[in-house]
Amino acid sequence: MPNKPHPQKRHQNIPASYLTLMKDNNVLLLRRFNTGYEDGNYSMIAGHVDQGETFTQCIIREAEEEAGIFLKPEDLNVVHVMHRNSRTTENNERVDVFFVARQWQGEPLNKESHKCDDLSWFELDNLPDNVIPYIRQALEGIKNRIYYSEHGWQ
C-alpha cells in the first residue's frame, strides 16, 4: 500500500477583537505604553480571543479589564473586519473584528496603567498623528461604512 501524503498543516490566523467606543463623533483611544509593541501610539480597547471564547465575549471581557466599562452583547455591532498580515513586525497573520458600542455602563478609566499611559476621546475626523496605521485604516473604514479591509499584504 503506497504511503499517503501528509496533509499540509492548516493555515492559522490569530483572532482579535477591537472596541470602537463612540460618543457623539468621538472615539475612545488608548496610548500603548511599556508593552514592546507600538508603544507611544494610539490603539483601541482590544485583545486576543481566548480558546473557546467568541469575538463578542472577548471584547466584553477586554472592555471591563482595560477600561472598567460593562457592555451587553445587544449593544455591540460589528462594523469592520480586517485580514492583517503582520509578518514584518510580529511574523503572523490576523483576523481583527471591530465592534462599535454607543452605550455602556460605567465611565471609561485606565485600568491598565502599566500598559497604557493615556485614555482619551478624539474626534473621528481629527485623530492624532500617532495612531497605529492599521487602526487608522479601520477607523477610516468604519467612518466610510467599509466593512472589510486588508492590511500589510503589499
N, C-alpha and C. Protein backbone atom coordinates (compact mmCIF):
# COMPACT_ATOMS: atom_id res chain seq x y z
N MET A 1 0.84 -1.18 0.00
CA MET A 1 0.00 0.00 0.00
C MET A 1 0.89 1.25 0.00
N PRO A 2 0.68 2.14 -0.96
CA PRO A 2 1.54 3.34 -1.02
C PRO A 2 1.29 4.25 0.17
N ASN A 3 2.34 4.98 0.53
CA ASN A 3 2.20 5.95 1.62
C ASN A 3 1.31 7.10 1.18
N LYS A 4 0.39 7.47 2.06
CA LYS A 4 -0.44 8.63 1.78
C LYS A 4 0.38 9.89 2.06
N PRO A 5 0.25 10.90 1.21
CA PRO A 5 0.97 12.14 1.52
C PRO A 5 0.41 12.76 2.80
N HIS A 6 1.30 13.35 3.56
CA HIS A 6 0.85 14.02 4.79
C HIS A 6 0.08 15.27 4.42
N PRO A 7 -1.07 15.47 5.05
CA PRO A 7 -1.81 16.69 4.74
C PRO A 7 -1.01 17.91 5.17
N GLN A 8 -1.10 18.94 4.37
CA GLN A 8 -0.42 20.19 4.70
C GLN A 8 -1.06 20.78 5.96
N LYS A 9 -0.20 21.34 6.82
CA LYS A 9 -0.72 21.97 8.03
C LYS A 9 -1.65 23.11 7.64
N ARG A 10 -2.79 23.17 8.31
CA ARG A 10 -3.76 24.22 8.00
C ARG A 10 -3.23 25.59 8.39
N HIS A 11 -3.64 26.54 7.60
CA HIS A 11 -3.27 27.94 7.83
C HIS A 11 -3.86 28.42 9.16
N GLN A 12 -3.11 29.17 9.92
CA GLN A 12 -3.57 29.67 11.22
C GLN A 12 -3.55 31.19 11.23
N ASN A 13 -4.63 31.79 11.69
CA ASN A 13 -4.71 33.23 11.90
C ASN A 13 -4.96 33.47 13.38
N ILE A 14 -4.47 34.59 13.89
CA ILE A 14 -4.71 34.97 15.28
C ILE A 14 -5.94 35.87 15.33
N PRO A 15 -6.99 35.47 16.07
CA PRO A 15 -8.19 36.30 16.15
C PRO A 15 -8.09 37.34 17.27
N ALA A 16 -8.58 38.55 16.97
CA ALA A 16 -8.60 39.61 17.98
C ALA A 16 -9.85 40.45 17.81
N SER A 17 -10.31 41.02 18.93
CA SER A 17 -11.48 41.89 18.95
C SER A 17 -11.05 43.30 19.35
N TYR A 18 -11.72 44.29 18.74
CA TYR A 18 -11.43 45.70 18.99
C TYR A 18 -12.73 46.42 19.29
N LEU A 19 -12.67 47.41 20.19
CA LEU A 19 -13.85 48.17 20.56
C LEU A 19 -13.74 49.60 20.07
N THR A 20 -14.67 49.98 19.21
CA THR A 20 -14.79 51.36 18.76
C THR A 20 -15.87 51.98 19.64
N LEU A 21 -15.43 52.59 20.73
CA LEU A 21 -16.36 53.20 21.67
C LEU A 21 -16.66 54.61 21.18
N MET A 22 -17.93 54.88 20.86
CA MET A 22 -18.32 56.15 20.25
C MET A 22 -19.20 56.97 21.18
N LYS A 23 -18.90 58.27 21.24
CA LYS A 23 -19.75 59.23 21.96
C LYS A 23 -19.81 60.45 21.06
N ASP A 24 -21.01 60.73 20.54
CA ASP A 24 -21.18 61.76 19.51
C ASP A 24 -20.28 61.37 18.32
N ASN A 25 -19.38 62.23 17.89
CA ASN A 25 -18.47 61.89 16.80
C ASN A 25 -17.06 61.66 17.33
N ASN A 26 -16.98 61.22 18.60
CA ASN A 26 -15.68 61.00 19.23
C ASN A 26 -15.47 59.51 19.48
N VAL A 27 -14.21 59.10 19.39
CA VAL A 27 -13.85 57.71 19.61
C VAL A 27 -12.83 57.65 20.76
N LEU A 28 -12.95 56.63 21.60
CA LEU A 28 -12.02 56.46 22.71
C LEU A 28 -10.80 55.69 22.24
N LEU A 29 -9.63 56.28 22.45
CA LEU A 29 -8.36 55.63 22.08
C LEU A 29 -7.46 55.56 23.30
N LEU A 30 -6.59 54.56 23.31
CA LEU A 30 -5.62 54.43 24.39
C LEU A 30 -4.22 54.42 23.79
N ARG A 31 -3.28 55.05 24.52
CA ARG A 31 -1.89 55.09 24.05
C ARG A 31 -1.10 53.98 24.72
N ARG A 32 -0.53 53.12 23.88
CA ARG A 32 0.23 51.97 24.37
C ARG A 32 1.50 52.45 25.07
N PHE A 33 1.88 51.71 26.10
CA PHE A 33 3.00 52.11 26.94
C PHE A 33 3.63 50.86 27.54
N ASN A 34 4.96 50.76 27.42
CA ASN A 34 5.69 49.71 28.14
C ASN A 34 5.28 48.29 27.73
N THR A 35 4.86 48.11 26.46
CA THR A 35 4.42 46.78 26.02
C THR A 35 5.43 46.13 25.07
N GLY A 36 6.28 46.95 24.44
CA GLY A 36 7.20 46.42 23.45
C GLY A 36 6.61 46.39 22.05
N TYR A 37 5.34 46.77 21.90
CA TYR A 37 4.70 46.82 20.58
C TYR A 37 3.96 48.14 20.43
N GLU A 38 4.37 48.95 19.45
CA GLU A 38 3.72 50.21 19.12
C GLU A 38 3.57 51.15 20.33
N ASP A 39 4.53 51.08 21.26
CA ASP A 39 4.48 51.97 22.42
C ASP A 39 4.53 53.43 21.96
N GLY A 40 3.74 54.29 22.62
CA GLY A 40 3.65 55.70 22.26
C GLY A 40 2.61 55.99 21.20
N ASN A 41 1.98 54.95 20.67
CA ASN A 41 0.98 55.12 19.63
C ASN A 41 -0.41 54.71 20.14
N TYR A 42 -1.44 55.31 19.52
CA TYR A 42 -2.81 55.08 19.95
C TYR A 42 -3.42 53.86 19.27
N SER A 43 -4.20 53.14 20.05
CA SER A 43 -4.97 51.99 19.59
C SER A 43 -6.35 52.08 20.23
N MET A 44 -7.04 50.95 20.26
CA MET A 44 -8.36 50.87 20.88
C MET A 44 -8.32 49.85 22.00
N ILE A 45 -9.36 49.81 22.79
CA ILE A 45 -9.56 48.68 23.70
C ILE A 45 -9.60 47.44 22.82
N ALA A 46 -8.80 46.45 23.14
CA ALA A 46 -8.69 45.29 22.25
C ALA A 46 -8.05 44.13 22.98
N GLY A 47 -8.13 42.96 22.36
CA GLY A 47 -7.46 41.80 22.91
C GLY A 47 -7.61 40.58 22.04
N HIS A 48 -6.75 39.61 22.31
CA HIS A 48 -6.80 38.34 21.61
C HIS A 48 -7.98 37.51 22.11
N VAL A 49 -8.63 36.83 21.19
CA VAL A 49 -9.73 35.95 21.54
C VAL A 49 -9.11 34.68 22.15
N ASP A 50 -9.52 34.35 23.36
CA ASP A 50 -9.03 33.15 24.03
C ASP A 50 -9.67 31.90 23.44
N GLN A 51 -9.00 30.78 23.61
CA GLN A 51 -9.55 29.49 23.18
C GLN A 51 -10.94 29.29 23.80
N GLY A 52 -11.92 28.92 22.99
CA GLY A 52 -13.27 28.68 23.49
C GLY A 52 -14.09 29.93 23.72
N GLU A 53 -13.58 31.10 23.34
CA GLU A 53 -14.25 32.37 23.56
C GLU A 53 -14.67 32.93 22.20
N THR A 54 -15.82 33.61 22.15
CA THR A 54 -16.24 34.26 20.92
C THR A 54 -15.62 35.65 20.83
N PHE A 55 -15.68 36.25 19.63
CA PHE A 55 -15.21 37.63 19.46
C PHE A 55 -15.99 38.56 20.38
N THR A 56 -17.30 38.34 20.49
CA THR A 56 -18.14 39.18 21.36
C THR A 56 -17.75 39.03 22.83
N GLN A 57 -17.59 37.80 23.29
CA GLN A 57 -17.19 37.58 24.68
C GLN A 57 -15.84 38.22 24.96
N CYS A 58 -14.94 38.15 24.00
CA CYS A 58 -13.60 38.73 24.16
C CYS A 58 -13.68 40.24 24.39
N ILE A 59 -14.44 40.95 23.54
CA ILE A 59 -14.44 42.41 23.67
C ILE A 59 -15.18 42.86 24.93
N ILE A 60 -16.18 42.10 25.36
CA ILE A 60 -16.84 42.42 26.63
C ILE A 60 -15.86 42.27 27.79
N ARG A 61 -15.07 41.19 27.77
CA ARG A 61 -14.05 40.96 28.81
C ARG A 61 -12.99 42.06 28.78
N GLU A 62 -12.47 42.37 27.59
CA GLU A 62 -11.41 43.37 27.48
C GLU A 62 -11.88 44.76 27.90
N ALA A 63 -13.12 45.12 27.58
CA ALA A 63 -13.65 46.43 27.96
C ALA A 63 -13.66 46.59 29.48
N GLU A 64 -14.04 45.52 30.16
CA GLU A 64 -14.03 45.57 31.63
C GLU A 64 -12.60 45.61 32.17
N GLU A 65 -11.72 44.75 31.62
CA GLU A 65 -10.34 44.69 32.11
C GLU A 65 -9.57 45.98 31.86
N GLU A 66 -9.71 46.55 30.67
CA GLU A 66 -8.89 47.70 30.29
C GLU A 66 -9.49 49.04 30.69
N ALA A 67 -10.83 49.15 30.64
CA ALA A 67 -11.44 50.47 30.86
C ALA A 67 -12.53 50.48 31.93
N GLY A 68 -12.80 49.34 32.56
CA GLY A 68 -13.78 49.31 33.64
C GLY A 68 -15.21 49.58 33.20
N ILE A 69 -15.51 49.32 31.94
CA ILE A 69 -16.88 49.53 31.46
C ILE A 69 -17.54 48.18 31.17
N PHE A 70 -18.86 48.18 31.22
CA PHE A 70 -19.62 46.95 31.04
C PHE A 70 -20.48 47.07 29.78
N LEU A 71 -20.35 46.08 28.92
CA LEU A 71 -21.07 46.04 27.66
C LEU A 71 -22.03 44.87 27.65
N LYS A 72 -23.12 45.02 26.92
CA LYS A 72 -24.04 43.91 26.69
C LYS A 72 -23.92 43.50 25.23
N PRO A 73 -24.03 42.22 24.93
CA PRO A 73 -23.92 41.78 23.53
C PRO A 73 -24.86 42.54 22.59
N GLU A 74 -26.06 42.86 23.06
CA GLU A 74 -27.03 43.54 22.19
C GLU A 74 -26.65 45.00 21.91
N ASP A 75 -25.68 45.55 22.65
CA ASP A 75 -25.22 46.92 22.42
C ASP A 75 -24.02 46.98 21.48
N LEU A 76 -23.60 45.82 20.98
CA LEU A 76 -22.42 45.74 20.11
C LEU A 76 -22.84 45.41 18.68
N ASN A 77 -22.20 46.09 17.74
CA ASN A 77 -22.39 45.78 16.32
C ASN A 77 -21.03 45.65 15.66
N VAL A 78 -20.88 44.65 14.81
CA VAL A 78 -19.65 44.53 14.03
C VAL A 78 -19.70 45.58 12.94
N VAL A 79 -18.64 46.40 12.87
CA VAL A 79 -18.61 47.46 11.88
C VAL A 79 -17.46 47.32 10.89
N HIS A 80 -16.50 46.44 11.20
CA HIS A 80 -15.37 46.27 10.28
C HIS A 80 -14.67 44.95 10.61
N VAL A 81 -14.19 44.29 9.58
CA VAL A 81 -13.35 43.10 9.72
C VAL A 81 -12.10 43.34 8.89
N MET A 82 -10.94 43.05 9.47
CA MET A 82 -9.67 43.25 8.77
C MET A 82 -8.88 41.95 8.77
N HIS A 83 -8.37 41.59 7.60
CA HIS A 83 -7.42 40.48 7.49
C HIS A 83 -6.06 41.15 7.38
N ARG A 84 -5.22 40.87 8.37
CA ARG A 84 -3.98 41.64 8.51
C ARG A 84 -2.77 40.73 8.48
N ASN A 85 -1.80 41.15 7.69
CA ASN A 85 -0.52 40.45 7.64
C ASN A 85 0.47 41.27 8.46
N SER A 86 0.90 40.71 9.59
CA SER A 86 1.88 41.41 10.42
C SER A 86 3.22 40.71 10.39
N ARG A 87 3.53 40.05 9.31
CA ARG A 87 4.79 39.30 9.22
C ARG A 87 6.01 40.19 9.36
N THR A 88 5.90 41.45 9.01
CA THR A 88 7.07 42.33 9.12
C THR A 88 7.38 42.70 10.57
N THR A 89 6.34 42.73 11.43
CA THR A 89 6.57 43.14 12.83
C THR A 89 6.37 42.01 13.82
N GLU A 90 5.43 41.09 13.52
CA GLU A 90 5.10 40.05 14.50
C GLU A 90 5.17 38.64 13.95
N ASN A 91 5.43 38.52 12.65
CA ASN A 91 5.54 37.22 11.98
C ASN A 91 4.28 36.37 12.12
N ASN A 92 3.12 36.98 11.84
CA ASN A 92 1.87 36.23 11.86
C ASN A 92 0.81 36.93 11.03
N GLU A 93 -0.30 36.25 10.87
CA GLU A 93 -1.45 36.80 10.18
C GLU A 93 -2.61 36.82 11.16
N ARG A 94 -3.48 37.81 10.99
CA ARG A 94 -4.53 38.04 11.98
C ARG A 94 -5.87 38.31 11.31
N VAL A 95 -6.93 38.01 12.05
CA VAL A 95 -8.28 38.42 11.68
C VAL A 95 -8.78 39.29 12.84
N ASP A 96 -9.03 40.56 12.52
CA ASP A 96 -9.44 41.53 13.52
C ASP A 96 -10.90 41.90 13.30
N VAL A 97 -11.71 41.80 14.35
CA VAL A 97 -13.12 42.16 14.27
C VAL A 97 -13.31 43.41 15.12
N PHE A 98 -13.85 44.46 14.48
CA PHE A 98 -14.07 45.74 15.13
C PHE A 98 -15.55 45.90 15.44
N PHE A 99 -15.85 46.11 16.72
CA PHE A 99 -17.21 46.34 17.19
C PHE A 99 -17.38 47.82 17.48
N VAL A 100 -18.60 48.32 17.34
CA VAL A 100 -18.91 49.65 17.82
C VAL A 100 -19.92 49.51 18.95
N ALA A 101 -19.75 50.35 19.96
CA ALA A 101 -20.72 50.45 21.07
C ALA A 101 -20.99 51.93 21.28
N ARG A 102 -22.25 52.27 21.31
CA ARG A 102 -22.64 53.66 21.57
C ARG A 102 -23.26 53.81 22.95
N GLN A 103 -23.45 52.69 23.65
CA GLN A 103 -23.89 52.75 25.05
C GLN A 103 -23.19 51.64 25.83
N TRP A 104 -23.01 51.91 27.11
CA TRP A 104 -22.30 51.02 28.02
C TRP A 104 -22.59 51.47 29.43
N GLN A 105 -22.18 50.67 30.39
CA GLN A 105 -22.32 51.06 31.79
C GLN A 105 -20.94 51.36 32.36
N GLY A 106 -20.87 52.43 33.14
CA GLY A 106 -19.60 52.84 33.75
C GLY A 106 -18.95 53.95 32.96
N GLU A 107 -18.00 54.59 33.61
CA GLU A 107 -17.24 55.66 32.97
C GLU A 107 -15.86 55.10 32.62
N PRO A 108 -15.44 55.22 31.34
CA PRO A 108 -14.14 54.65 30.97
C PRO A 108 -12.99 55.24 31.80
N LEU A 109 -12.16 54.34 32.32
CA LEU A 109 -10.96 54.76 33.05
C LEU A 109 -9.84 53.78 32.73
N ASN A 110 -8.63 54.26 32.87
CA ASN A 110 -7.45 53.46 32.54
C ASN A 110 -7.16 52.47 33.67
N LYS A 111 -7.56 51.22 33.47
CA LYS A 111 -7.34 50.20 34.49
C LYS A 111 -6.03 49.45 34.29
N GLU A 112 -5.31 49.75 33.22
CA GLU A 112 -4.04 49.06 32.96
C GLU A 112 -2.93 50.09 32.71
N SER A 113 -2.67 50.90 33.72
CA SER A 113 -1.68 51.98 33.58
C SER A 113 -0.27 51.45 33.34
N HIS A 114 -0.03 50.17 33.59
CA HIS A 114 1.27 49.58 33.30
C HIS A 114 1.43 49.29 31.80
N LYS A 115 0.31 49.36 31.02
CA LYS A 115 0.35 49.11 29.58
C LYS A 115 -0.21 50.25 28.75
N CYS A 116 -0.76 51.26 29.43
CA CYS A 116 -1.43 52.36 28.75
C CYS A 116 -1.19 53.63 29.54
N ASP A 117 -0.68 54.68 28.87
CA ASP A 117 -0.41 55.91 29.62
C ASP A 117 -1.36 57.05 29.27
N ASP A 118 -2.37 56.78 28.42
CA ASP A 118 -3.40 57.78 28.14
C ASP A 118 -4.63 57.08 27.60
N LEU A 119 -5.79 57.53 28.05
CA LEU A 119 -7.07 57.04 27.58
C LEU A 119 -7.90 58.30 27.34
N SER A 120 -8.13 58.63 26.05
CA SER A 120 -8.77 59.90 25.73
C SER A 120 -9.74 59.77 24.57
N TRP A 121 -10.68 60.72 24.53
CA TRP A 121 -11.64 60.82 23.43
C TRP A 121 -11.04 61.71 22.36
N PHE A 122 -11.21 61.30 21.09
CA PHE A 122 -10.74 62.09 19.96
C PHE A 122 -11.85 62.18 18.92
N GLU A 123 -11.91 63.33 18.24
CA GLU A 123 -12.85 63.47 17.14
C GLU A 123 -12.46 62.49 16.04
N LEU A 124 -13.45 61.78 15.53
CA LEU A 124 -13.19 60.81 14.47
C LEU A 124 -12.57 61.47 13.24
N ASP A 125 -12.89 62.75 13.01
CA ASP A 125 -12.35 63.47 11.86
C ASP A 125 -11.05 64.20 12.17
N ASN A 126 -10.55 64.06 13.39
CA ASN A 126 -9.33 64.78 13.78
C ASN A 126 -8.51 63.91 14.73
N LEU A 127 -8.06 62.76 14.24
CA LEU A 127 -7.30 61.81 15.06
C LEU A 127 -5.87 62.30 15.24
N PRO A 128 -5.22 61.92 16.33
CA PRO A 128 -3.81 62.29 16.50
C PRO A 128 -2.95 61.60 15.43
N ASP A 129 -1.79 62.18 15.16
CA ASP A 129 -0.89 61.62 14.14
C ASP A 129 -0.39 60.23 14.51
N ASN A 130 -0.24 59.96 15.80
CA ASN A 130 0.38 58.72 16.25
C ASN A 130 -0.64 57.61 16.53
N VAL A 131 -1.60 57.43 15.63
CA VAL A 131 -2.50 56.28 15.68
C VAL A 131 -1.82 55.16 14.90
N ILE A 132 -1.82 53.95 15.43
CA ILE A 132 -1.23 52.80 14.73
C ILE A 132 -1.86 52.72 13.34
N PRO A 133 -1.06 52.54 12.28
CA PRO A 133 -1.59 52.59 10.90
C PRO A 133 -2.79 51.69 10.63
N TYR A 134 -2.79 50.45 11.08
CA TYR A 134 -3.93 49.60 10.77
C TYR A 134 -5.18 50.03 11.55
N ILE A 135 -5.00 50.64 12.72
CA ILE A 135 -6.13 51.18 13.48
C ILE A 135 -6.71 52.38 12.74
N ARG A 136 -5.85 53.25 12.22
CA ARG A 136 -6.30 54.39 11.43
C ARG A 136 -7.10 53.89 10.21
N GLN A 137 -6.59 52.87 9.53
CA GLN A 137 -7.27 52.30 8.37
C GLN A 137 -8.65 51.77 8.77
N ALA A 138 -8.72 51.05 9.88
CA ALA A 138 -10.01 50.52 10.35
C ALA A 138 -10.98 51.66 10.67
N LEU A 139 -10.50 52.72 11.34
CA LEU A 139 -11.37 53.85 11.68
C LEU A 139 -11.86 54.56 10.42
N GLU A 140 -11.01 54.69 9.41
CA GLU A 140 -11.45 55.27 8.13
C GLU A 140 -12.52 54.40 7.51
N GLY A 141 -12.32 53.08 7.56
CA GLY A 141 -13.32 52.16 7.03
C GLY A 141 -14.64 52.29 7.77
N ILE A 142 -14.57 52.35 9.08
CA ILE A 142 -15.78 52.47 9.90
C ILE A 142 -16.51 53.77 9.56
N LYS A 143 -15.76 54.86 9.48
CA LYS A 143 -16.35 56.17 9.18
C LYS A 143 -17.03 56.15 7.81
N ASN A 144 -16.45 55.43 6.85
CA ASN A 144 -16.96 55.41 5.48
C ASN A 144 -17.82 54.19 5.18
N ARG A 145 -18.20 53.45 6.21
CA ARG A 145 -19.05 52.26 6.08
C ARG A 145 -18.45 51.22 5.12
N ILE A 146 -17.14 51.05 5.23
CA ILE A 146 -16.44 49.99 4.51
C ILE A 146 -16.26 48.87 5.53
N TYR A 147 -16.86 47.73 5.26
CA TYR A 147 -16.97 46.69 6.29
C TYR A 147 -15.83 45.68 6.29
N TYR A 148 -14.99 45.71 5.25
CA TYR A 148 -13.89 44.75 5.19
C TYR A 148 -12.68 45.44 4.56
N SER A 149 -11.50 45.16 5.12
CA SER A 149 -10.25 45.65 4.51
C SER A 149 -9.13 44.66 4.80
N GLU A 150 -8.04 44.88 4.09
CA GLU A 150 -6.83 44.08 4.27
C GLU A 150 -5.68 45.04 4.53
N HIS A 151 -4.74 44.61 5.35
CA HIS A 151 -3.62 45.48 5.70
C HIS A 151 -2.33 44.66 5.73
N GLY A 152 -1.27 45.24 5.16
CA GLY A 152 0.05 44.64 5.26
C GLY A 152 0.39 43.57 4.25
N TRP A 153 -0.39 43.45 3.19
CA TRP A 153 -0.15 42.39 2.21
C TRP A 153 0.72 42.86 1.04
N GLN A 154 0.99 44.15 0.91
CA GLN A 154 1.80 44.62 -0.21
C GLN A 154 3.27 44.44 0.07
